[in-house]
Amino acid sequence: MLEPKTALCADEASLASLADFYRVFADETRIRILGELLGGEKCVLDIANSLGLTHSAVSHQLKTLRERRLVSFRRDGKSIRYSIADDHISSILAQGIEHIGE
């Protein structure tokens, strides 16, 4: 765990980036999409059907998640498959769930 002093010594640009990073988690739809992707790689249609959302709504949120590097993607023929970008994102989600459960 970071020492409190270490965590607060970041420069302004780093603090702004960190705030922007956590802002992404403030949207319930994005959290639901990330939760779906914890189960493995999926295409937009699979995510939309599973969550009862429109293709457009999921695509819009995935764009935000891609821009913030929370999800990665790969082409599979004509479709694009999305997955959690790395284990850090899974850990952040797990820690958030653990924290609210306390």
PDB file of N, CA and C in Angstrom:
ATOM      1  N   MET A   1       0.848  -1.178   0.000  1.00  0.00           N
ATOM      2  CA  MET A   1       0.000   0.000   0.000  1.00  0.00           C
ATOM      3  C   MET A   1       0.890   1.236   0.000  1.00  0.00           C
ATOM      4  N   LEU A   2       0.457   2.281  -0.712  1.00  0.00           N
ATOM      5  CA  LEU A   2       1.226   3.517  -0.770  1.00  0.00           C
ATOM      6  C   LEU A   2       1.144   4.268   0.546  1.00  0.00           C
ATOM      7  N   GLU A   3       2.262   4.864   0.905  1.00  0.00           N
ATOM      8  CA  GLU A   3       2.270   5.755   2.056  1.00  0.00           C
ATOM      9  C   GLU A   3       1.433   6.980   1.700  1.00  0.00           C
ATOM     10  N   PRO A   4       0.681   7.550   2.643  1.00  0.00           N
ATOM     11  CA  PRO A   4      -0.135   8.727   2.319  1.00  0.00           C
ATOM     12  C   PRO A   4       0.668   9.861   1.692  1.00  0.00           C
ATOM     13  N   LYS A   5       1.889  10.101   2.183  1.00  0.00           N
ATOM     14  CA  LYS A   5       2.703  11.182   1.626  1.00  0.00           C
ATOM     15  C   LYS A   5       3.044  10.907   0.166  1.00  0.00           C
ATOM     16  N   THR A   6       3.364   9.672  -0.158  1.00  0.00           N
ATOM     17  CA  THR A   6       3.719   9.306  -1.523  1.00  0.00           C
ATOM     18  C   THR A   6       2.548   9.549  -2.460  1.00  0.00           C
ATOM     19  N   ALA A   7       1.362   9.168  -2.050  1.00  0.00           N
ATOM     20  CA  ALA A   7       0.184   9.308  -2.899  1.00  0.00           C
ATOM     21  C   ALA A   7      -0.165  10.769  -3.151  1.00  0.00           C
ATOM     22  N   LEU A   8       0.157  11.656  -2.229  1.00  0.00           N
ATOM     23  CA  LEU A   8      -0.216  13.060  -2.373  1.00  0.00           C
ATOM     24  C   LEU A   8       0.867  13.920  -3.013  1.00  0.00           C
ATOM     25  N   CYS A   9       2.014  13.345  -3.320  1.00  0.00           N
ATOM     26  CA  CYS A   9       3.119  14.117  -3.884  1.00  0.00           C
ATOM     27  C   CYS A   9       3.094  14.173  -5.403  1.00  0.00           C
ATOM     28  N   ALA A  10       2.053  13.709  -6.017  1.00  0.00           N
ATOM     29  CA  ALA A  10       1.972  13.721  -7.479  1.00  0.00           C
ATOM     30  C   ALA A  10       1.847  15.149  -7.991  1.00  0.00           C
ATOM     31  N   ASP A  11       2.362  15.368  -9.201  1.00  0.00           N
ATOM     32  CA  ASP A  11       2.247  16.695  -9.806  1.00  0.00           C
ATOM     33  C   ASP A  11       0.813  16.927 -10.278  1.00  0.00           C
ATOM     34  N   GLU A  12       0.519  18.148 -10.668  1.00  0.00           N
ATOM     35  CA  GLU A  12      -0.841  18.531 -11.062  1.00  0.00           C
ATOM     36  C   GLU A  12      -1.369  17.697 -12.228  1.00  0.00           C
ATOM     37  N   ALA A  13      -0.520  17.451 -13.220  1.00  0.00           N
ATOM     38  CA  ALA A  13      -0.950  16.674 -14.387  1.00  0.00           C
ATOM     39  C   ALA A  13      -1.305  15.234 -13.981  1.00  0.00           C
ATOM     40  N   SER A  14      -0.501  14.662 -13.087  1.00  0.00           N
ATOM     41  CA  SER A  14      -0.777  13.300 -12.618  1.00  0.00           C
ATOM     42  C   SER A  14      -2.068  13.250 -11.817  1.00  0.00           C
ATOM     43  N   LEU A  15      -2.298  14.251 -10.986  1.00  0.00           N
ATOM     44  CA  LEU A  15      -3.533  14.296 -10.201  1.00  0.00           C
ATOM     45  C   LEU A  15      -4.748  14.441 -11.108  1.00  0.00           C
ATOM     46  N   ALA A  16      -4.627  15.260 -12.147  1.00  0.00           N
ATOM     47  CA  ALA A  16      -5.729  15.427 -13.094  1.00  0.00           C
ATOM     48  C   ALA A  16      -6.003  14.117 -13.831  1.00  0.00           C
ATOM     49  N   SER A  17      -4.950  13.420 -14.223  1.00  0.00           N
ATOM     50  CA  SER A  17      -5.113  12.125 -14.899  1.00  0.00           C
ATOM     51  C   SER A  17      -5.750  11.103 -13.982  1.00  0.00           C
ATOM     52  N   LEU A  18      -5.355  11.105 -12.719  1.00  0.00           N
ATOM     53  CA  LEU A  18      -5.929  10.173 -11.751  1.00  0.00           C
ATOM     54  C   LEU A  18      -7.409  10.465 -11.528  1.00  0.00           C
ATOM     55  N   ALA A  19      -7.755  11.730 -11.410  1.00  0.00           N
ATOM     56  CA  ALA A  19      -9.166  12.106 -11.237  1.00  0.00           C
ATOM     57  C   ALA A  19      -9.981  11.684 -12.458  1.00  0.00           C
ATOM     58  N   ASP A  20      -9.434  11.872 -13.643  1.00  0.00           N
ATOM     59  CA  ASP A  20     -10.119  11.471 -14.873  1.00  0.00           C
ATOM     60  C   ASP A  20     -10.292   9.952 -14.919  1.00  0.00           C
ATOM     61  N   PHE A  21      -9.261   9.229 -14.503  1.00  0.00           N
ATOM     62  CA  PHE A  21      -9.323   7.769 -14.457  1.00  0.00           C
ATOM     63  C   PHE A  21     -10.468   7.305 -13.560  1.00  0.00           C
ATOM     64  N   TYR A  22     -10.559   7.843 -12.351  1.00  0.00           N
ATOM     65  CA  TYR A  22     -11.611   7.420 -11.429  1.00  0.00           C
ATOM     66  C   TYR A  22     -12.990   7.911 -11.850  1.00  0.00           C
ATOM     67  N   ARG A  23     -13.050   9.016 -12.578  1.00  0.00           N
ATOM     68  CA  ARG A  23     -14.327   9.522 -13.067  1.00  0.00           C
ATOM     69  C   ARG A  23     -15.013   8.497 -13.976  1.00  0.00           C
ATOM     70  N   VAL A  24     -14.242   7.720 -14.692  1.00  0.00           N
ATOM     71  CA  VAL A  24     -14.791   6.694 -15.579  1.00  0.00           C
ATOM     72  C   VAL A  24     -15.603   5.681 -14.784  1.00  0.00           C
ATOM     73  N   PHE A  25     -15.198   5.404 -13.562  1.00  0.00           N
ATOM     74  CA  PHE A  25     -15.887   4.434 -12.715  1.00  0.00           C
ATOM     75  C   PHE A  25     -17.167   5.001 -12.097  1.00  0.00           C
ATOM     76  N   ALA A  26     -17.462   6.261 -12.331  1.00  0.00           N
ATOM     77  CA  ALA A  26     -18.631   6.909 -11.738  1.00  0.00           C
ATOM     78  C   ALA A  26     -19.912   6.670 -12.522  1.00  0.00           C
ATOM     79  N   ASP A  27     -19.839   5.907 -13.592  1.00  0.00           N
ATOM     80  CA  ASP A  27     -21.002   5.647 -14.425  1.00  0.00           C
ATOM     81  C   ASP A  27     -21.416   4.183 -14.283  1.00  0.00           C
ATOM     82  N   GLU A  28     -22.657   3.964 -13.875  1.00  0.00           N
ATOM     83  CA  GLU A  28     -23.147   2.603 -13.641  1.00  0.00           C
ATOM     84  C   GLU A  28     -23.091   1.735 -14.893  1.00  0.00           C
ATOM     85  N   THR A  29     -23.397   2.299 -16.046  1.00  0.00           N
ATOM     86  CA  THR A  29     -23.362   1.521 -17.288  1.00  0.00           C
ATOM     87  C   THR A  29     -21.949   1.048 -17.592  1.00  0.00           C
ATOM     88  N   ARG A  30     -20.972   1.921 -17.408  1.00  0.00           N
ATOM     89  CA  ARG A  30     -19.588   1.513 -17.655  1.00  0.00           C
ATOM     90  C   ARG A  30     -19.160   0.422 -16.672  1.00  0.00           C
ATOM     91  N   ILE A  31     -19.585   0.526 -15.434  1.00  0.00           N
ATOM     92  CA  ILE A  31     -19.271  -0.516 -14.439  1.00  0.00           C
ATOM     93  C   ILE A  31     -19.908  -1.837 -14.860  1.00  0.00           C
ATOM     94  N   ARG A  32     -21.141  -1.794 -15.323  1.00  0.00           N
ATOM     95  CA  ARG A  32     -21.822  -3.018 -15.773  1.00  0.00           C
ATOM     96  C   ARG A  32     -21.093  -3.642 -16.959  1.00  0.00           C
ATOM     97  N   ILE A  33     -20.636  -2.816 -17.887  1.00  0.00           N
ATOM     98  CA  ILE A  33     -19.891  -3.321 -19.039  1.00  0.00           C
ATOM     99  C   ILE A  33     -18.581  -3.959 -18.580  1.00  0.00           C
ATOM    100  N   LEU A  34     -17.870  -3.296 -17.698  1.00  0.00           N
ATOM    101  CA  LEU A  34     -16.633  -3.873 -17.174  1.00  0.00           C
ATOM    102  C   LEU A  34     -16.915  -5.198 -16.466  1.00  0.00           C
ATOM    103  N   GLY A  35     -18.016  -5.252 -15.726  1.00  0.00           N
ATOM    104  CA  GLY A  35     -18.400  -6.493 -15.058  1.00  0.00           C
ATOM    105  C   GLY A  35     -18.631  -7.619 -16.056  1.00  0.00           C
ATOM    106  N   GLU A  36     -19.264  -7.306 -17.165  1.00  0.00           N
ATOM    107  CA  GLU A  36     -19.471  -8.315 -18.220  1.00  0.00           C
ATOM    108  C   GLU A  36     -18.142  -8.809 -18.767  1.00  0.00           C
ATOM    109  N   LEU A  37     -17.223  -7.887 -18.938  1.00  0.00           N
ATOM    110  CA  LEU A  37     -15.935  -8.252 -19.517  1.00  0.00           C
ATOM    111  C   LEU A  37     -15.039  -9.011 -18.551  1.00  0.00           C
ATOM    112  N   LEU A  38     -15.345  -8.961 -17.262  1.00  0.00           N
ATOM    113  CA  LEU A  38     -14.598  -9.769 -16.307  1.00  0.00           C
ATOM    114  C   LEU A  38     -14.771 -11.256 -16.613  1.00  0.00           C
ATOM    115  N   GLY A  39     -15.891 -11.599 -17.251  1.00  0.00           N
ATOM    116  CA  GLY A  39     -16.158 -12.982 -17.623  1.00  0.00           C
ATOM    117  C   GLY A  39     -15.444 -13.409 -18.892  1.00  0.00           C
ATOM    118  N   GLY A  40     -14.738 -12.503 -19.531  1.00  0.00           N
ATOM    119  CA  GLY A  40     -14.003 -12.840 -20.735  1.00  0.00           C
ATOM    120  C   GLY A  40     -14.352 -11.922 -21.885  1.00  0.00           C
ATOM    121  N   GLU A  41     -13.676 -12.131 -22.964  1.00  0.00           N
ATOM    122  CA  GLU A  41     -13.800 -11.316 -24.163  1.00  0.00           C
ATOM    123  C   GLU A  41     -15.197 -11.413 -24.771  1.00  0.00           C
ATOM    124  N   LYS A  42     -15.744 -10.258 -25.199  1.00  0.00           N
ATOM    125  CA  LYS A  42     -17.085 -10.228 -25.781  1.00  0.00           C
ATOM    126  C   LYS A  42     -17.165  -9.166 -26.864  1.00  0.00           C
ATOM    127  N   CYS A  43     -18.107  -9.354 -27.784  1.00  0.00           N
ATOM    128  CA  CYS A  43     -18.364  -8.335 -28.795  1.00  0.00           C
ATOM    129  C   CYS A  43     -19.473  -7.405 -28.282  1.00  0.00           C
ATOM    130  N   VAL A  44     -19.651  -6.289 -28.954  1.00  0.00           N
ATOM    131  CA  VAL A  44     -20.633  -5.287 -28.536  1.00  0.00           C
ATOM    132  C   VAL A  44     -22.032  -5.897 -28.445  1.00  0.00           C
ATOM    133  N   LEU A  45     -22.413  -6.679 -29.429  1.00  0.00           N
ATOM    134  CA  LEU A  45     -23.753  -7.273 -29.445  1.00  0.00           C
ATOM    135  C   LEU A  45     -23.974  -8.180 -28.241  1.00  0.00           C
ATOM    136  N   ASP A  46     -22.976  -8.985 -27.887  1.00  0.00           N
ATOM    137  CA  ASP A  46     -23.095  -9.861 -26.711  1.00  0.00           C
ATOM    138  C   ASP A  46     -23.273  -9.050 -25.431  1.00  0.00           C
ATOM    139  N   ILE A  47     -22.500  -7.987 -25.309  1.00  0.00           N
ATOM    140  CA  ILE A  47     -22.604  -7.127 -24.120  1.00  0.00           C
ATOM    141  C   ILE A  47     -23.975  -6.468 -24.072  1.00  0.00           C
ATOM    142  N   ALA A  48     -24.406  -5.908 -25.190  1.00  0.00           N
ATOM    143  CA  ALA A  48     -25.702  -5.224 -25.256  1.00  0.00           C
ATOM    144  C   ALA A  48     -26.838  -6.177 -24.898  1.00  0.00           C
ATOM    145  N   ASN A  49     -26.841  -7.371 -25.470  1.00  0.00           N
ATOM    146  CA  ASN A  49     -27.897  -8.345 -25.176  1.00  0.00           C
ATOM    147  C   ASN A  49     -27.896  -8.768 -23.719  1.00  0.00           C
ATOM    148  N   SER A  50     -26.716  -8.999 -23.180  1.00  0.00           N
ATOM    149  CA  SER A  50     -26.604  -9.447 -21.797  1.00  0.00           C
ATOM    150  C   SER A  50     -27.095  -8.386 -20.801  1.00  0.00           C
ATOM    151  N   LEU A  51     -26.830  -7.122 -21.120  1.00  0.00           N
ATOM    152  CA  LEU A  51     -27.176  -6.039 -20.193  1.00  0.00           C
ATOM    153  C   LEU A  51     -28.506  -5.365 -20.521  1.00  0.00           C
ATOM    154  N   GLY A  52     -29.128  -5.761 -21.618  1.00  0.00           N
ATOM    155  CA  GLY A  52     -30.387  -5.134 -22.003  1.00  0.00           C
ATOM    156  C   GLY A  52     -30.211  -3.693 -22.453  1.00  0.00           C
ATOM    157  N   LEU A  53     -29.096  -3.424 -23.113  1.00  0.00           N
ATOM    158  CA  LEU A  53     -28.797  -2.084 -23.605  1.00  0.00           C
ATOM    159  C   LEU A  53     -28.771  -2.094 -25.125  1.00  0.00           C
ATOM    160  N   THR A  54     -28.809  -0.915 -25.710  1.00  0.00           N
ATOM    161  CA  THR A  54     -28.713  -0.837 -27.164  1.00  0.00           C
ATOM    162  C   THR A  54     -27.253  -0.967 -27.594  1.00  0.00           C
ATOM    163  N   HIS A  55     -27.082  -1.393 -28.821  1.00  0.00           N
ATOM    164  CA  HIS A  55     -25.749  -1.497 -29.410  1.00  0.00           C
ATOM    165  C   HIS A  55     -25.056  -0.134 -29.350  1.00  0.00           C
ATOM    166  N   SER A  56     -25.801   0.910 -29.664  1.00  0.00           N
ATOM    167  CA  SER A  56     -25.267   2.269 -29.669  1.00  0.00           C
ATOM    168  C   SER A  56     -24.783   2.699 -28.281  1.00  0.00           C
ATOM    169  N   ALA A  57     -25.585   2.409 -27.262  1.00  0.00           N
ATOM    170  CA  ALA A  57     -25.215   2.794 -25.891  1.00  0.00           C
ATOM    171  C   ALA A  57     -23.934   2.085 -25.451  1.00  0.00           C
ATOM    172  N   VAL A  58     -23.836   0.802 -25.769  1.00  0.00           N
ATOM    173  CA  VAL A  58     -22.638   0.039 -25.392  1.00  0.00           C
ATOM    174  C   VAL A  58     -21.426   0.556 -26.160  1.00  0.00           C
ATOM    175  N   SER A  59     -21.570   0.796 -27.439  1.00  0.00           N
ATOM    176  CA  SER A  59     -20.462   1.311 -28.250  1.00  0.00           C
ATOM    177  C   SER A  59     -19.965   2.645 -27.718  1.00  0.00           C
ATOM    178  N   HIS A  60     -20.887   3.507 -27.341  1.00  0.00           N
ATOM    179  CA  HIS A  60     -20.525   4.820 -26.791  1.00  0.00           C
ATOM    180  C   HIS A  60     -19.692   4.665 -25.519  1.00  0.00           C
ATOM    181  N   GLN A  61     -20.139   3.800 -24.621  1.00  0.00           N
ATOM    182  CA  GLN A  61     -19.416   3.612 -23.356  1.00  0.00           C
ATOM    183  C   GLN A  61     -18.080   2.906 -23.579  1.00  0.00           C
ATOM    184  N   LEU A  62     -18.038   1.968 -24.514  1.00  0.00           N
ATOM    185  CA  LEU A  62     -16.775   1.291 -24.810  1.00  0.00           C
ATOM    186  C   LEU A  62     -15.742   2.263 -25.368  1.00  0.00           C
ATOM    187  N   LYS A  63     -16.195   3.244 -26.113  1.00  0.00           N
ATOM    188  CA  LYS A  63     -15.267   4.268 -26.623  1.00  0.00           C
ATOM    189  C   LYS A  63     -14.591   4.985 -25.457  1.00  0.00           C
ATOM    190  N   THR A  64     -15.373   5.361 -24.466  1.00  0.00           N
ATOM    191  CA  THR A  64     -14.816   6.017 -23.278  1.00  0.00           C
ATOM    192  C   THR A  64     -13.850   5.088 -22.561  1.00  0.00           C
ATOM    193  N   LEU A  65     -14.238   3.831 -22.392  1.00  0.00           N
ATOM    194  CA  LEU A  65     -13.381   2.866 -21.705  1.00  0.00           C
ATOM    195  C   LEU A  65     -12.086   2.608 -22.482  1.00  0.00           C
ATOM    196  N   ARG A  66     -12.165   2.584 -23.801  1.00  0.00           N
ATOM    197  CA  ARG A  66     -10.965   2.418 -24.639  1.00  0.00           C
ATOM    198  C   ARG A  66     -10.044   3.622 -24.501  1.00  0.00           C
ATOM    199  N   GLU A  67     -10.625   4.816 -24.562  1.00  0.00           N
ATOM    200  CA  GLU A  67      -9.827   6.042 -24.475  1.00  0.00           C
ATOM    201  C   GLU A  67      -9.066   6.135 -23.158  1.00  0.00           C
ATOM    202  N   ARG A  68      -9.648   5.594 -22.103  1.00  0.00           N
ATOM    203  CA  ARG A  68      -9.013   5.623 -20.775  1.00  0.00           C
ATOM    204  C   ARG A  68      -8.188   4.370 -20.520  1.00  0.00           C
ATOM    205  N   ARG A  69      -8.077   3.503 -21.524  1.00  0.00           N
ATOM    206  CA  ARG A  69      -7.271   2.278 -21.491  1.00  0.00           C
ATOM    207  C   ARG A  69      -7.739   1.282 -20.431  1.00  0.00           C
ATOM    208  N   LEU A  70      -9.049   1.239 -20.186  1.00  0.00           N
ATOM    209  CA  LEU A  70      -9.606   0.248 -19.274  1.00  0.00           C
ATOM    210  C   LEU A  70      -9.986  -1.032 -20.008  1.00  0.00           C
ATOM    211  N   VAL A  71     -10.254  -0.920 -21.297  1.00  0.00           N
ATOM    212  CA  VAL A  71     -10.533  -2.105 -22.109  1.00  0.00           C
ATOM    213  C   VAL A  71      -9.618  -2.097 -23.325  1.00  0.00           C
ATOM    214  N   SER A  72      -9.375  -3.295 -23.820  1.00  0.00           N
ATOM    215  CA  SER A  72      -8.628  -3.431 -25.067  1.00  0.00           C
ATOM    216  C   SER A  72      -9.529  -4.148 -26.062  1.00  0.00           C
ATOM    217  N   PHE A  73      -9.125  -4.151 -27.317  1.00  0.00           N
ATOM    218  CA  PHE A  73      -9.958  -4.785 -28.333  1.00  0.00           C
ATOM    219  C   PHE A  73      -9.086  -5.436 -29.388  1.00  0.00           C
ATOM    220  N   ARG A  74      -9.710  -6.362 -30.104  1.00  0.00           N
ATOM    221  CA  ARG A  74      -9.048  -6.991 -31.240  1.00  0.00           C
ATOM    222  C   ARG A  74     -10.097  -7.275 -32.304  1.00  0.00           C
ATOM    223  N   ARG A  75      -9.676  -7.240 -33.531  1.00  0.00           N
ATOM    224  CA  ARG A  75     -10.569  -7.557 -34.640  1.00  0.00           C
ATOM    225  C   ARG A  75     -10.677  -9.064 -34.776  1.00  0.00           C
ATOM    226  N   ASP A  76     -11.911  -9.525 -35.006  1.00  0.00           N
ATOM    227  CA  ASP A  76     -12.177 -10.938 -35.247  1.00  0.00           C
ATOM    228  C   ASP A  76     -13.086 -11.001 -36.471  1.00  0.00           C
ATOM    229  N   GLY A  77     -12.465 -11.025 -37.651  1.00  0.00           N
ATOM    230  CA  GLY A  77     -13.248 -10.932 -38.882  1.00  0.00           C
ATOM    231  C   GLY A  77     -13.841  -9.543 -38.993  1.00  0.00           C
ATOM    232  N   LYS A  78     -15.165  -9.482 -39.081  1.00  0.00           N
ATOM    233  CA  LYS A  78     -15.845  -8.182 -39.187  1.00  0.00           C
ATOM    234  C   LYS A  78     -16.201  -7.595 -37.830  1.00  0.00           C
ATOM    235  N   SER A  79     -16.105  -8.377 -36.786  1.00  0.00           N
ATOM    236  CA  SER A  79     -16.479  -7.871 -35.466  1.00  0.00           C
ATOM    237  C   SER A  79     -15.241  -7.481 -34.659  1.00  0.00           C
ATOM    238  N   ILE A  80     -15.494  -6.728 -33.605  1.00  0.00           N
ATOM    239  CA  ILE A  80     -14.445  -6.325 -32.679  1.00  0.00           C
ATOM    240  C   ILE A  80     -14.784  -6.935 -31.326  1.00  0.00           C
ATOM    241  N   ARG A  81     -13.800  -7.560 -30.718  1.00  0.00           N
ATOM    242  CA  ARG A  81     -13.994  -8.205 -29.424  1.00  0.00           C
ATOM    243  C   ARG A  81     -13.260  -7.392 -28.366  1.00  0.00           C
ATOM    244  N   TYR A  82     -13.938  -7.174 -27.247  1.00  0.00           N
ATOM    245  CA  TYR A  82     -13.407  -6.348 -26.162  1.00  0.00           C
ATOM    246  C   TYR A  82     -13.073  -7.209 -24.956  1.00  0.00           C
ATOM    247  N   SER A  83     -12.092  -6.746 -24.200  1.00  0.00           N
ATOM    248  CA  SER A  83     -11.714  -7.419 -22.957  1.00  0.00           C
ATOM    249  C   SER A  83     -11.168  -6.381 -21.972  1.00  0.00           C
ATOM    250  N   ILE A  84     -11.073  -6.781 -20.718  1.00  0.00           N
ATOM    251  CA  ILE A  84     -10.460  -5.926 -19.707  1.00  0.00           C
ATOM    252  C   ILE A  84      -9.000  -5.718 -20.103  1.00  0.00           C
ATOM    253  N   ALA A  85      -8.510  -4.487 -20.015  1.00  0.00           N
ATOM    254  CA  ALA A  85      -7.172  -4.155 -20.499  1.00  0.00           C
ATOM    255  C   ALA A  85      -6.066  -4.886 -19.739  1.00  0.00           C
ATOM    256  N   ASP A  86      -6.190  -4.980 -18.426  1.00  0.00           N
ATOM    257  CA  ASP A  86      -5.161  -5.669 -17.648  1.00  0.00           C
ATOM    258  C   ASP A  86      -5.690  -6.002 -16.260  1.00  0.00           C
ATOM    259  N   ASP A  87      -4.870  -6.709 -15.502  1.00  0.00           N
ATOM    260  CA  ASP A  87      -5.285  -7.168 -14.173  1.00  0.00           C
ATOM    261  C   ASP A  87      -5.521  -6.022 -13.194  1.00  0.00           C
ATOM    262  N   HIS A  88      -4.927  -4.857 -13.445  1.00  0.00           N
ATOM    263  CA  HIS A  88      -5.145  -3.721 -12.554  1.00  0.00           C
ATOM    264  C   HIS A  88      -6.625  -3.335 -12.519  1.00  0.00           C
ATOM    265  N   ILE A  89      -7.267  -3.367 -13.669  1.00  0.00           N
ATOM    266  CA  ILE A  89      -8.674  -2.974 -13.746  1.00  0.00           C
ATOM    267  C   ILE A  89      -9.528  -3.974 -12.967  1.00  0.00           C
ATOM    268  N   SER A  90      -9.253  -5.246 -13.124  1.00  0.00           N
ATOM    269  CA  SER A  90      -9.976  -6.274 -12.367  1.00  0.00           C
ATOM    270  C   SER A  90      -9.789  -6.067 -10.872  1.00  0.00           C
ATOM    271  N   SER A  91      -8.577  -5.749 -10.467  1.00  0.00           N
ATOM    272  CA  SER A  91      -8.279  -5.518  -9.045  1.00  0.00           C
ATOM    273  C   SER A  91      -9.016  -4.307  -8.500  1.00  0.00           C
ATOM    274  N   ILE A  92      -9.055  -3.233  -9.286  1.00  0.00           N
ATOM    275  CA  ILE A  92      -9.749  -2.020  -8.855  1.00  0.00           C
ATOM    276  C   ILE A  92     -11.232  -2.314  -8.635  1.00  0.00           C
ATOM    277  N   LEU A  93     -11.833  -3.045  -9.570  1.00  0.00           N
ATOM    278  CA  LEU A  93     -13.247  -3.406  -9.426  1.00  0.00           C
ATOM    279  C   LEU A  93     -13.460  -4.292  -8.203  1.00  0.00           C
ATOM    280  N   ALA A  94     -12.605  -5.279  -8.014  1.00  0.00           N
ATOM    281  CA  ALA A  94     -12.734  -6.187  -6.863  1.00  0.00           C
ATOM    282  C   ALA A  94     -12.567  -5.430  -5.550  1.00  0.00           C
ATOM    283  N   GLN A  95     -11.614  -4.513  -5.500  1.00  0.00           N
ATOM    284  CA  GLN A  95     -11.409  -3.732  -4.277  1.00  0.00           C
ATOM    285  C   GLN A  95     -12.592  -2.814  -3.999  1.00  0.00           C
ATOM    286  N   GLY A  96     -13.171  -2.248  -5.059  1.00  0.00           N
ATOM    287  CA  GLY A  96     -14.358  -1.409  -4.875  1.00  0.00           C
ATOM    288  C   GLY A  96     -15.521  -2.210  -4.305  1.00  0.00           C
ATOM    289  N   ILE A  97     -15.762  -3.398  -4.851  1.00  0.00           N
ATOM    290  CA  ILE A  97     -16.831  -4.268  -4.340  1.00  0.00           C
ATOM    291  C   ILE A  97     -16.561  -4.646  -2.897  1.00  0.00           C
ATOM    292  N   GLU A  98     -15.322  -4.986  -2.596  1.00  0.00           N
ATOM    293  CA  GLU A  98     -14.952  -5.337  -1.219  1.00  0.00           C
ATOM    294  C   GLU A  98     -15.184  -4.162  -0.286  1.00  0.00           C
ATOM    295  N   HIS A  99     -14.800  -2.978  -0.718  1.00  0.00           N
ATOM    296  CA  HIS A  99     -14.932  -1.791   0.125  1.00  0.00           C
ATOM    297  C   HIS A  99     -16.398  -1.477   0.438  1.00  0.00           C
ATOM    298  N   ILE A 100     -17.278  -1.520  -0.570  1.00  0.00           N
ATOM    299  CA  ILE A 100     -18.673  -1.186  -0.298  1.00  0.00           C
ATOM    300  C   ILE A 100     -19.367  -2.267   0.505  1.00  0.00           C
ATOM    301  N   GLY A 101     -18.791  -3.478   0.514  1.00  0.00           N
ATOM    302  CA  GLY A 101     -19.371  -4.566   1.293  1.00  0.00           C
ATOM    303  C   GLY A 101     -18.991  -4.549   2.761  1.00  0.00           C
ATOM    304  N   GLU A 102     -18.065  -3.687   3.126  1.00  0.00           N
ATOM    305  CA  GLU A 102     -17.598  -3.628   4.537  1.00  0.00           C
ATOM    306  C   GLU A 102     -18.575  -2.881   5.408  1.00  0.00           C
TER     307      GLU A 102
END
